[in-house]
PDB file of all heavy atoms in Angstrom:
ATOM      1  N   LEU A   1       0.855  -1.181   0.000  1.00  0.00           N
ATOM      2  CA  LEU A   1       0.000   0.000   0.000  1.00  0.00           C
ATOM      3  C   LEU A   1       0.889   1.229   0.000  1.00  0.00           C
ATOM      4  O   LEU A   1       1.664   1.446   0.937  1.00  0.00           O
ATOM      5  CB  LEU A   1      -0.915   0.017   1.223  1.00  0.00           C
ATOM      6  CG  LEU A   1      -1.767   1.287   1.392  1.00  0.00           C
ATOM      7  CD1 LEU A   1      -2.810   1.392   0.272  1.00  0.00           C
ATOM      8  CD2 LEU A   1      -2.444   1.324   2.752  1.00  0.00           C
ATOM      9  N   GLY A   2       0.801   2.020  -1.050  1.00  0.00           N
ATOM     10  CA  GLY A   2       1.571   3.255  -1.121  1.00  0.00           C
ATOM     11  C   GLY A   2       0.775   4.409  -0.545  1.00  0.00           C
ATOM     12  O   GLY A   2      -0.424   4.529  -0.798  1.00  0.00           O
ATOM     13  N   ILE A   3       1.429   5.244   0.255  1.00  0.00           N
ATOM     14  CA  ILE A   3       0.802   6.463   0.786  1.00  0.00           C
ATOM     15  C   ILE A   3       1.605   7.636   0.265  1.00  0.00           C
ATOM     16  O   ILE A   3       2.819   7.731   0.496  1.00  0.00           O
ATOM     17  CB  ILE A   3       0.766   6.465   2.324  1.00  0.00           C
ATOM     18  CG1 ILE A   3       0.032   5.225   2.850  1.00  0.00           C
ATOM     19  CG2 ILE A   3       0.084   7.728   2.834  1.00  0.00           C
ATOM     20  CD1 ILE A   3      -0.040   5.148   4.363  1.00  0.00           C
ATOM     21  N   VAL A   4       0.931   8.529  -0.456  1.00  0.00           N
ATOM     22  CA  VAL A   4       1.629   9.618  -1.137  1.00  0.00           C
ATOM     23  C   VAL A   4       0.966  10.944  -0.810  1.00  0.00           C
ATOM     24  O   VAL A   4      -0.223  11.013  -0.497  1.00  0.00           O
ATOM     25  CB  VAL A   4       1.638   9.361  -2.671  1.00  0.00           C
ATOM     26  CG1 VAL A   4       0.237   9.465  -3.240  1.00  0.00           C
ATOM     27  CG2 VAL A   4       2.587  10.298  -3.390  1.00  0.00           C
ATOM     28  N   GLY A   5       1.769  12.007  -0.881  1.00  0.00           N
ATOM     29  CA  GLY A   5       1.265  13.357  -0.619  1.00  0.00           C
ATOM     30  C   GLY A   5       2.419  14.293  -0.343  1.00  0.00           C
ATOM     31  O   GLY A   5       3.569  13.875  -0.219  1.00  0.00           O
ATOM     32  N   GLU A   6       2.106  15.583  -0.248  1.00  0.00           N
ATOM     33  CA  GLU A   6       3.133  16.589   0.015  1.00  0.00           C
ATOM     34  C   GLU A   6       3.702  16.443   1.426  1.00  0.00           C
ATOM     35  O   GLU A   6       3.096  15.796   2.298  1.00  0.00           O
ATOM     36  CB  GLU A   6       2.530  17.994  -0.136  1.00  0.00           C
ATOM     37  CG  GLU A   6       2.072  18.330  -1.543  1.00  0.00           C
ATOM     38  CD  GLU A   6       1.310  19.640  -1.585  1.00  0.00           C
ATOM     39  OE1 GLU A   6       0.103  19.635  -1.282  1.00  0.00           O
ATOM     40  OE2 GLU A   6       1.926  20.670  -1.937  1.00  0.00           O
ATOM     41  N   SER A   7       4.847  17.063   1.654  1.00  0.00           N
ATOM     42  CA  SER A   7       5.428  17.071   2.997  1.00  0.00           C
ATOM     43  C   SER A   7       4.449  17.697   3.977  1.00  0.00           C
ATOM     44  O   SER A   7       3.839  18.732   3.689  1.00  0.00           O
ATOM     45  CB  SER A   7       6.735  17.874   3.002  1.00  0.00           C
ATOM     46  OG  SER A   7       7.691  17.257   2.169  1.00  0.00           O
ATOM     47  N   GLY A   8       4.282  17.047   5.139  1.00  0.00           N
ATOM     48  CA  GLY A   8       3.390  17.563   6.159  1.00  0.00           C
ATOM     49  C   GLY A   8       1.951  17.119   6.025  1.00  0.00           C
ATOM     50  O   GLY A   8       1.085  17.570   6.781  1.00  0.00           O
ATOM     51  N   CYS A   9       1.668  16.204   5.076  1.00  0.00           N
ATOM     52  CA  CYS A   9       0.276  15.793   4.868  1.00  0.00           C
ATOM     53  C   CYS A   9      -0.168  14.720   5.854  1.00  0.00           C
ATOM     54  O   CYS A   9      -1.349  14.378   5.908  1.00  0.00           O
ATOM     55  CB  CYS A   9       0.072  15.293   3.440  1.00  0.00           C
ATOM     56  SG  CYS A   9       0.823  13.690   3.098  1.00  0.00           S
ATOM     57  N   GLY A  10       0.763  14.144   6.625  1.00  0.00           N
ATOM     58  CA  GLY A  10       0.388  13.146   7.615  1.00  0.00           C
ATOM     59  C   GLY A  10       0.800  11.729   7.274  1.00  0.00           C
ATOM     60  O   GLY A  10       0.430  10.782   7.979  1.00  0.00           O
ATOM     61  N   LYS A  11       1.587  11.552   6.217  1.00  0.00           N
ATOM     62  CA  LYS A  11       2.004  10.209   5.790  1.00  0.00           C
ATOM     63  C   LYS A  11       2.787   9.484   6.879  1.00  0.00           C
ATOM     64  O   LYS A  11       2.436   8.364   7.287  1.00  0.00           O
ATOM     65  CB  LYS A  11       2.880  10.283   4.528  1.00  0.00           C
ATOM     66  CG  LYS A  11       2.303  11.026   3.358  1.00  0.00           C
ATOM     67  CD  LYS A  11       3.188  10.940   2.144  1.00  0.00           C
ATOM     68  CE  LYS A  11       4.575  11.522   2.328  1.00  0.00           C
ATOM     69  NZ  LYS A  11       4.594  12.968   2.534  1.00  0.00           N
ATOM     70  N   SER A  12       3.858  10.110   7.342  1.00  0.00           N
ATOM     71  CA  SER A  12       4.722   9.466   8.333  1.00  0.00           C
ATOM     72  C   SER A  12       4.029   9.315   9.680  1.00  0.00           C
ATOM     73  O   SER A  12       4.240   8.324  10.385  1.00  0.00           O
ATOM     74  CB  SER A  12       6.023  10.263   8.499  1.00  0.00           C
ATOM     75  OG  SER A  12       6.779  10.227   7.299  1.00  0.00           O
ATOM     76  N   THR A  13       3.187  10.281  10.039  1.00  0.00           N
ATOM     77  CA  THR A  13       2.429  10.161  11.294  1.00  0.00           C
ATOM     78  C   THR A  13       1.496   8.963  11.232  1.00  0.00           C
ATOM     79  O   THR A  13       1.374   8.206  12.203  1.00  0.00           O
ATOM     80  CB  THR A  13       1.627  11.444  11.561  1.00  0.00           C
ATOM     81  OG1 THR A  13       2.525  12.558  11.620  1.00  0.00           O
ATOM     82  CG2 THR A  13       0.875  11.350  12.878  1.00  0.00           C
ATOM     83  N   THR A  14       0.843   8.769  10.094  1.00  0.00           N
ATOM     84  CA  THR A  14      -0.030   7.604   9.923  1.00  0.00           C
ATOM     85  C   THR A  14       0.761   6.312  10.084  1.00  0.00           C
ATOM     86  O   THR A  14       0.305   5.365  10.746  1.00  0.00           O
ATOM     87  CB  THR A  14      -0.702   7.635   8.536  1.00  0.00           C
ATOM     88  OG1 THR A  14      -1.483   8.828   8.414  1.00  0.00           O
ATOM     89  CG2 THR A  14      -1.597   6.431   8.326  1.00  0.00           C
ATOM     90  N   ALA A  15       1.951   6.266   9.502  1.00  0.00           N
ATOM     91  CA  ALA A  15       2.790   5.067   9.608  1.00  0.00           C
ATOM     92  C   ALA A  15       3.178   4.787  11.055  1.00  0.00           C
ATOM     93  O   ALA A  15       3.138   3.630  11.507  1.00  0.00           O
ATOM     94  CB  ALA A  15       4.048   5.240   8.760  1.00  0.00           C
ATOM     95  N   ARG A  16       3.532   5.809  11.776  1.00  0.00           N
ATOM     96  CA  ARG A  16       3.937   5.621  13.179  1.00  0.00           C
ATOM     97  C   ARG A  16       2.748   5.235  14.062  1.00  0.00           C
ATOM     98  O   ARG A  16       2.916   4.525  15.056  1.00  0.00           O
ATOM     99  CB  ARG A  16       4.618   6.888  13.691  1.00  0.00           C
ATOM    100  CG  ARG A  16       6.058   7.009  13.183  1.00  0.00           C
ATOM    101  CD  ARG A  16       6.626   8.410  13.293  1.00  0.00           C
ATOM    102  NE  ARG A  16       8.062   8.424  13.006  1.00  0.00           N
ATOM    103  CZ  ARG A  16       8.580   8.328  11.791  1.00  0.00           C
ATOM    104  NH1 ARG A  16       7.775   8.185  10.737  1.00  0.00           N
ATOM    105  NH2 ARG A  16       9.884   8.335  11.600  1.00  0.00           N
ATOM    106  N   LEU A  17       1.572   5.687  13.679  1.00  0.00           N
ATOM    107  CA  LEU A  17       0.373   5.262  14.406  1.00  0.00           C
ATOM    108  C   LEU A  17       0.087   3.786  14.156  1.00  0.00           C
ATOM    109  O   LEU A  17      -0.289   3.047  15.076  1.00  0.00           O
ATOM    110  CB  LEU A  17      -0.832   6.104  13.971  1.00  0.00           C
ATOM    111  CG  LEU A  17      -0.856   7.568  14.441  1.00  0.00           C
ATOM    112  CD1 LEU A  17      -1.922   8.353  13.690  1.00  0.00           C
ATOM    113  CD2 LEU A  17      -1.085   7.655  15.942  1.00  0.00           C
ATOM    114  N   ILE A  18       0.269   3.337  12.920  1.00  0.00           N
ATOM    115  CA  ILE A  18       0.043   1.927  12.586  1.00  0.00           C
ATOM    116  C   ILE A  18       0.960   1.035  13.415  1.00  0.00           C
ATOM    117  O   ILE A  18       0.556  -0.024  13.900  1.00  0.00           O
ATOM    118  CB  ILE A  18       0.267   1.686  11.078  1.00  0.00           C
ATOM    119  CG1 ILE A  18      -0.800   2.410  10.252  1.00  0.00           C
ATOM    120  CG2 ILE A  18       0.242   0.188  10.756  1.00  0.00           C
ATOM    121  CD1 ILE A  18      -0.536   2.402   8.760  1.00  0.00           C
ATOM    122  N   LEU A  19       2.198   1.477  13.594  1.00  0.00           N
ATOM    123  CA  LEU A  19       3.176   0.708  14.362  1.00  0.00           C
ATOM    124  C   LEU A  19       3.057   0.953  15.865  1.00  0.00           C
ATOM    125  O   LEU A  19       3.816   0.364  16.639  1.00  0.00           O
ATOM    126  CB  LEU A  19       4.597   1.063  13.907  1.00  0.00           C
ATOM    127  CG  LEU A  19       4.967   0.694  12.468  1.00  0.00           C
ATOM    128  CD1 LEU A  19       6.359   1.210  12.135  1.00  0.00           C
ATOM    129  CD2 LEU A  19       4.895  -0.804  12.251  1.00  0.00           C
ATOM    130  N   ARG A  20       2.154   1.827  16.255  1.00  0.00           N
ATOM    131  CA  ARG A  20       1.966   2.217  17.657  1.00  0.00           C
ATOM    132  C   ARG A  20       3.231   2.837  18.252  1.00  0.00           C
ATOM    133  O   ARG A  20       3.504   2.701  19.437  1.00  0.00           O
ATOM    134  CB  ARG A  20       1.489   1.043  18.503  1.00  0.00           C
ATOM    135  CG  ARG A  20      -0.010   0.743  18.433  1.00  0.00           C
ATOM    136  CD  ARG A  20      -0.885   1.886  18.953  1.00  0.00           C
ATOM    137  NE  ARG A  20      -0.403   2.432  20.202  1.00  0.00           N
ATOM    138  CZ  ARG A  20      -0.677   1.919  21.396  1.00  0.00           C
ATOM    139  NH1 ARG A  20      -1.445   0.855  21.489  1.00  0.00           N
ATOM    140  NH2 ARG A  20      -0.203   2.486  22.487  1.00  0.00           N
ATOM    141  N   LEU A  21       3.985   3.525  17.410  1.00  0.00           N
ATOM    142  CA  LEU A  21       5.080   4.350  17.908  1.00  0.00           C
ATOM    143  C   LEU A  21       4.506   5.656  18.442  1.00  0.00           C
ATOM    144  O   LEU A  21       5.170   6.373  19.189  1.00  0.00           O
ATOM    145  CB  LEU A  21       6.097   4.621  16.803  1.00  0.00           C
ATOM    146  CG  LEU A  21       6.799   3.383  16.229  1.00  0.00           C
ATOM    147  CD1 LEU A  21       7.729   3.786  15.092  1.00  0.00           C
ATOM    148  CD2 LEU A  21       7.567   2.647  17.316  1.00  0.00           C
ATOM    149  N   LEU A  22       3.295   5.978  18.007  1.00  0.00           N
ATOM    150  CA  LEU A  22       2.527   7.100  18.537  1.00  0.00           C
ATOM    151  C   LEU A  22       1.172   6.572  18.996  1.00  0.00           C
ATOM    152  O   LEU A  22       0.647   5.613  18.417  1.00  0.00           O
ATOM    153  CB  LEU A  22       2.307   8.173  17.461  1.00  0.00           C
ATOM    154  CG  LEU A  22       3.519   8.959  16.968  1.00  0.00           C
ATOM    155  CD1 LEU A  22       3.115   9.831  15.785  1.00  0.00           C
ATOM    156  CD2 LEU A  22       4.122   9.798  18.073  1.00  0.00           C
ATOM    157  N   ASP A  23       0.616   7.192  20.005  1.00  0.00           N
ATOM    158  CA  ASP A  23      -0.716   6.823  20.469  1.00  0.00           C
ATOM    159  C   ASP A  23      -1.752   7.670  19.743  1.00  0.00           C
ATOM    160  O   ASP A  23      -1.626   8.902  19.692  1.00  0.00           O
ATOM    161  CB  ASP A  23      -0.854   7.043  21.972  1.00  0.00           C
ATOM    162  CG  ASP A  23       0.042   6.112  22.774  1.00  0.00           C
ATOM    163  OD1 ASP A  23       0.270   4.982  22.307  1.00  0.00           O
ATOM    164  OD2 ASP A  23       0.529   6.524  23.848  1.00  0.00           O
ATOM    165  N   PRO A  24      -2.780   7.048  19.174  1.00  0.00           N
ATOM    166  CA  PRO A  24      -3.808   7.833  18.471  1.00  0.00           C
ATOM    167  C   PRO A  24      -4.666   8.646  19.434  1.00  0.00           C
ATOM    168  O   PRO A  24      -4.862   8.257  20.587  1.00  0.00           O
ATOM    169  CB  PRO A  24      -4.634   6.750  17.757  1.00  0.00           C
ATOM    170  CG  PRO A  24      -4.434   5.517  18.571  1.00  0.00           C
ATOM    171  CD  PRO A  24      -3.040   5.607  19.121  1.00  0.00           C
ATOM    172  N   THR A  25      -5.170   9.764  18.954  1.00  0.00           N
ATOM    173  CA  THR A  25      -6.124  10.555  19.731  1.00  0.00           C
ATOM    174  C   THR A  25      -7.461   9.828  19.811  1.00  0.00           C
ATOM    175  O   THR A  25      -8.103   9.800  20.860  1.00  0.00           O
ATOM    176  CB  THR A  25      -6.295  11.945  19.089  1.00  0.00           C
ATOM    177  OG1 THR A  25      -5.017  12.588  19.017  1.00  0.00           O
ATOM    178  CG2 THR A  25      -7.249  12.807  19.900  1.00  0.00           C
ATOM    179  N   SER A  26      -7.860   9.233  18.691  1.00  0.00           N
ATOM    180  CA  SER A  26      -9.070   8.413  18.664  1.00  0.00           C
ATOM    181  C   SER A  26      -9.012   7.499  17.452  1.00  0.00           C
ATOM    182  O   SER A  26      -8.114   7.615  16.608  1.00  0.00           O
ATOM    183  CB  SER A  26     -10.334   9.288  18.618  1.00  0.00           C
ATOM    184  OG  SER A  26     -10.376  10.055  17.432  1.00  0.00           O
ATOM    185  N   GLY A  27      -9.961   6.587  17.353  1.00  0.00           N
ATOM    186  CA  GLY A  27      -9.976   5.621  16.261  1.00  0.00           C
ATOM    187  C   GLY A  27      -9.398   4.285  16.692  1.00  0.00           C
ATOM    188  O   GLY A  27      -8.948   4.118  17.828  1.00  0.00           O
ATOM    189  N   THR A  28      -9.435   3.318  15.789  1.00  0.00           N
ATOM    190  CA  THR A  28      -8.949   1.972  16.094  1.00  0.00           C
ATOM    191  C   THR A  28      -7.984   1.471  15.037  1.00  0.00           C
ATOM    192  O   THR A  28      -8.103   1.806  13.853  1.00  0.00           O
ATOM    193  CB  THR A  28     -10.115   0.967  16.205  1.00  0.00           C
ATOM    194  OG1 THR A  28     -10.809   0.924  14.955  1.00  0.00           O
ATOM    195  CG2 THR A  28     -11.075   1.354  17.310  1.00  0.00           C
ATOM    196  N   ILE A  29      -7.025   0.647  15.483  1.00  0.00           N
ATOM    197  CA  ILE A  29      -6.073  -0.030  14.605  1.00  0.00           C
ATOM    198  C   ILE A  29      -6.129  -1.511  14.954  1.00  0.00           C
ATOM    199  O   ILE A  29      -5.873  -1.891  16.102  1.00  0.00           O
ATOM    200  CB  ILE A  29      -4.637   0.498  14.802  1.00  0.00           C
ATOM    201  CG1 ILE A  29      -4.580   2.014  14.607  1.00  0.00           C
ATOM    202  CG2 ILE A  29      -3.670  -0.204  13.844  1.00  0.00           C
ATOM    203  CD1 ILE A  29      -3.331   2.655  15.148  1.00  0.00           C
ATOM    204  N   THR A  30      -6.470  -2.324  13.982  1.00  0.00           N
ATOM    205  CA  THR A  30      -6.566  -3.769  14.199  1.00  0.00           C
ATOM    206  C   THR A  30      -5.480  -4.460  13.397  1.00  0.00           C
ATOM    207  O   THR A  30      -5.382  -4.254  12.185  1.00  0.00           O
ATOM    208  CB  THR A  30      -7.946  -4.301  13.764  1.00  0.00           C
ATOM    209  OG1 THR A  30      -8.960  -3.590  14.467  1.00  0.00           O
ATOM    210  CG2 THR A  30      -8.081  -5.779  14.067  1.00  0.00           C
ATOM    211  N   PHE A  31      -4.663  -5.269  14.084  1.00  0.00           N
ATOM    212  CA  PHE A  31      -3.602  -6.018  13.421  1.00  0.00           C
ATOM    213  C   PHE A  31      -3.905  -7.504  13.539  1.00  0.00           C
ATOM    214  O   PHE A  31      -3.994  -8.028  14.657  1.00  0.00           O
ATOM    215  CB  PHE A  31      -2.237  -5.704  14.057  1.00  0.00           C
ATOM    216  CG  PHE A  31      -1.076  -6.404  13.387  1.00  0.00           C
ATOM    217  CD1 PHE A  31      -0.471  -5.854  12.278  1.00  0.00           C
ATOM    218  CD2 PHE A  31      -0.620  -7.631  13.864  1.00  0.00           C
ATOM    219  CE1 PHE A  31       0.584  -6.499  11.654  1.00  0.00           C
ATOM    220  CE2 PHE A  31       0.436  -8.282  13.243  1.00  0.00           C
ATOM    221  CZ  PHE A  31       1.040  -7.717  12.133  1.00  0.00           C
ATOM    222  N   ASP A  32      -4.101  -8.140  12.394  1.00  0.00           N
ATOM    223  CA  ASP A  32      -4.399  -9.573  12.351  1.00  0.00           C
ATOM    224  C   ASP A  32      -5.593  -9.918  13.249  1.00  0.00           C
ATOM    225  O   ASP A  32      -5.569 -10.907  13.998  1.00  0.00           O
ATOM    226  CB  ASP A  32      -3.168 -10.383  12.757  1.00  0.00           C
ATOM    227  CG  ASP A  32      -3.270 -11.848  12.338  1.00  0.00           C
ATOM    228  OD1 ASP A  32      -4.071 -12.141  11.433  1.00  0.00           O
ATOM    229  OD2 ASP A  32      -2.569 -12.689  12.929  1.00  0.00           O
ATOM    230  N   GLY A  33      -6.619  -9.068  13.194  1.00  0.00           N
ATOM    231  CA  GLY A  33      -7.839  -9.325  13.947  1.00  0.00           C
ATOM    232  C   GLY A  33      -7.826  -8.863  15.391  1.00  0.00           C
ATOM    233  O   GLY A  33      -8.839  -8.982  16.088  1.00  0.00           O
ATOM    234  N   ARG A  34      -6.711  -8.311  15.857  1.00  0.00           N
ATOM    235  CA  ARG A  34      -6.597  -7.885  17.252  1.00  0.00           C
ATOM    236  C   ARG A  34      -6.488  -6.367  17.338  1.00  0.00           C
ATOM    237  O   ARG A  34      -5.650  -5.760  16.672  1.00  0.00           O
ATOM    238  CB  ARG A  34      -5.363  -8.522  17.885  1.00  0.00           C
ATOM    239  CG  ARG A  34      -5.181  -8.189  19.362  1.00  0.00           C
ATOM    240  CD  ARG A  34      -3.895  -8.771  19.891  1.00  0.00           C
ATOM    241  NE  ARG A  34      -3.725  -8.521  21.320  1.00  0.00           N
ATOM    242  CZ  ARG A  34      -2.615  -8.820  22.000  1.00  0.00           C
ATOM    243  NH1 ARG A  34      -1.604  -9.413  21.389  1.00  0.00           N
ATOM    244  NH2 ARG A  34      -2.541  -8.547  23.301  1.00  0.00           N
ATOM    245  N   ASP A  35      -7.342  -5.771  18.146  1.00  0.00           N
ATOM    246  CA  ASP A  35      -7.301  -4.320  18.341  1.00  0.00           C
ATOM    247  C   ASP A  35      -6.073  -3.963  19.180  1.00  0.00           C
ATOM    248  O   ASP A  35      -5.959  -4.354  20.342  1.00  0.00           O
ATOM    249  CB  ASP A  35      -8.572  -3.861  19.055  1.00  0.00           C
ATOM    250  CG  ASP A  35      -8.681  -2.332  19.140  1.00  0.00           C
ATOM    251  OD1 ASP A  35      -7.703  -1.648  18.800  1.00  0.00           O
ATOM    252  OD2 ASP A  35      -9.748  -1.837  19.561  1.00  0.00           O
ATOM    253  N   ILE A  36      -5.139  -3.222  18.561  1.00  0.00           N
ATOM    254  CA  ILE A  36      -3.891  -2.868  19.257  1.00  0.00           C
ATOM    255  C   ILE A  36      -3.890  -1.414  19.709  1.00  0.00           C
ATOM    256  O   ILE A  36      -2.872  -0.920  20.202  1.00  0.00           O
ATOM    257  CB  ILE A  36      -2.662  -3.133  18.361  1.00  0.00           C
ATOM    258  CG1 ILE A  36      -2.666  -2.205  17.132  1.00  0.00           C
ATOM    259  CG2 ILE A  36      -2.624  -4.596  17.924  1.00  0.00           C
ATOM    260  CD1 ILE A  36      -1.372  -2.252  16.334  1.00  0.00           C
ATOM    261  N   THR A  37      -5.019  -0.733  19.557  1.00  0.00           N
ATOM    262  CA  THR A  37      -5.069   0.708  19.807  1.00  0.00           C
ATOM    263  C   THR A  37      -4.672   1.088  21.218  1.00  0.00           C
ATOM    264  O   THR A  37      -3.946   2.065  21.428  1.00  0.00           O
ATOM    265  CB  THR A  37      -6.479   1.246  19.514  1.00  0.00           C
ATOM    266  OG1 THR A  37      -6.938   0.722  18.276  1.00  0.00           O
ATOM    267  CG2 THR A  37      -6.465   2.759  19.455  1.00  0.00           C
ATOM    268  N   LYS A  38      -5.131   0.305  22.196  1.00  0.00           N
ATOM    269  CA  LYS A  38      -4.922   0.686  23.595  1.00  0.00           C
ATOM    270  C   LYS A  38      -4.016  -0.274  24.342  1.00  0.00           C
ATOM    271  O   LYS A  38      -3.988  -0.281  25.579  1.00  0.00           O
ATOM    272  CB  LYS A  38      -6.274   0.792  24.294  1.00  0.00           C
ATOM    273  CG  LYS A  38      -7.153   1.896  23.718  1.00  0.00           C
ATOM    274  CD  LYS A  38      -8.487   2.007  24.442  1.00  0.00           C
ATOM    275  CE  LYS A  38      -9.335   3.115  23.844  1.00  0.00           C
ATOM    276  NZ  LYS A  38     -10.657   3.228  24.509  1.00  0.00           N
ATOM    277  N   LEU A  39      -3.252  -1.062  23.605  1.00  0.00           N
ATOM    278  CA  LEU A  39      -2.342  -1.985  24.271  1.00  0.00           C
ATOM    279  C   LEU A  39      -1.208  -1.221  24.945  1.00  0.00           C
ATOM    280  O   LEU A  39      -0.722  -0.212  24.424  1.00  0.00           O
ATOM    281  CB  LEU A  39      -1.751  -2.985  23.274  1.00  0.00           C
ATOM    282  CG  LEU A  39      -2.719  -3.975  22.604  1.00  0.00           C
ATOM    283  CD1 LEU A  39      -1.931  -4.930  21.710  1.00  0.00           C
ATOM    284  CD2 LEU A  39      -3.523  -4.738  23.636  1.00  0.00           C
ATOM    285  N   SER A  40      -0.776  -1.700  26.099  1.00  0.00           N
ATOM    286  CA  SER A  40       0.364  -1.090  26.788  1.00  0.00           C
ATOM    287  C   SER A  40       1.655  -1.461  26.068  1.00  0.00           C
ATOM    288  O   SER A  40       1.674  -2.349  25.202  1.00  0.00           O
ATOM    289  CB  SER A  40       0.422  -1.593  28.235  1.00  0.00           C
ATOM    290  OG  SER A  40       0.716  -2.985  28.252  1.00  0.00           O
ATOM    291  N   GLN A  41       2.748  -0.801  26.436  1.00  0.00           N
ATOM    292  CA  GLN A  41       4.028  -1.105  25.816  1.00  0.00           C
ATOM    293  C   GLN A  41       4.445  -2.550  26.093  1.00  0.00           C
ATOM    294  O   GLN A  41       5.046  -3.204  25.234  1.00  0.00           O
ATOM    295  CB  GLN A  41       5.104  -0.136  26.333  1.00  0.00           C
ATOM    296  CG  GLN A  41       4.931   1.286  25.830  1.00  0.00           C
ATOM    297  CD  GLN A  41       4.916   1.382  24.312  1.00  0.00           C
ATOM    298  OE1 GLN A  41       5.760   0.803  23.645  1.00  0.00           O
ATOM    299  NE2 GLN A  41       3.949   2.113  23.769  1.00  0.00           N
ATOM    300  N   ARG A  42       4.119  -3.056  27.256  1.00  0.00           N
ATOM    301  CA  ARG A  42       4.449  -4.448  27.571  1.00  0.00           C
ATOM    302  C   ARG A  42       3.653  -5.403  26.677  1.00  0.00           C
ATOM    303  O   ARG A  42       4.182  -6.400  26.190  1.00  0.00           O
ATOM    304  CB  ARG A  42       4.159  -4.736  29.045  1.00  0.00           C
ATOM    305  CG  ARG A  42       4.379  -6.195  29.444  1.00  0.00           C
ATOM    306  CD  ARG A  42       4.163  -6.415  30.929  1.00  0.00           C
ATOM    307  NE  ARG A  42       5.209  -5.767  31.717  1.00  0.00           N
ATOM    308  CZ  ARG A  42       5.274  -5.824  33.045  1.00  0.00           C
ATOM    309  NH1 ARG A  42       4.360  -6.506  33.731  1.00  0.00           N
ATOM    310  NH2 ARG A  42       6.245  -5.211  33.693  1.00  0.00           N
ATOM    311  N   GLU A  43       2.379  -5.093  26.470  1.00  0.00           N
ATOM    312  CA  GLU A  43       1.541  -5.939  25.615  1.00  0.00           C
ATOM    313  C   GLU A  43       1.940  -5.836  24.146  1.00  0.00           C
ATOM    314  O   GLU A  43       1.769  -6.786  23.375  1.00  0.00           O
ATOM    315  CB  GLU A  43       0.074  -5.540  25.781  1.00  0.00           C
ATOM    316  CG  GLU A  43      -0.509  -5.860  27.153  1.00  0.00           C
ATOM    317  CD  GLU A  43      -1.885  -5.249  27.352  1.00  0.00           C
ATOM    318  OE1 GLU A  43      -2.102  -4.090  26.933  1.00  0.00           O
ATOM    319  OE2 GLU A  43      -2.743  -5.935  27.944  1.00  0.00           O
TER     320      GLU A  43
END
């Protein structure tokens, strides 16, 4: 999946949210059927 746009459009922020390097303000991210949005760093 390619994500394209001008600098500052949110591409890299979206990527870091997918990897949970950043915590989302709201919304959900499901990886392989498991909601990882609110998992702790240990989890």
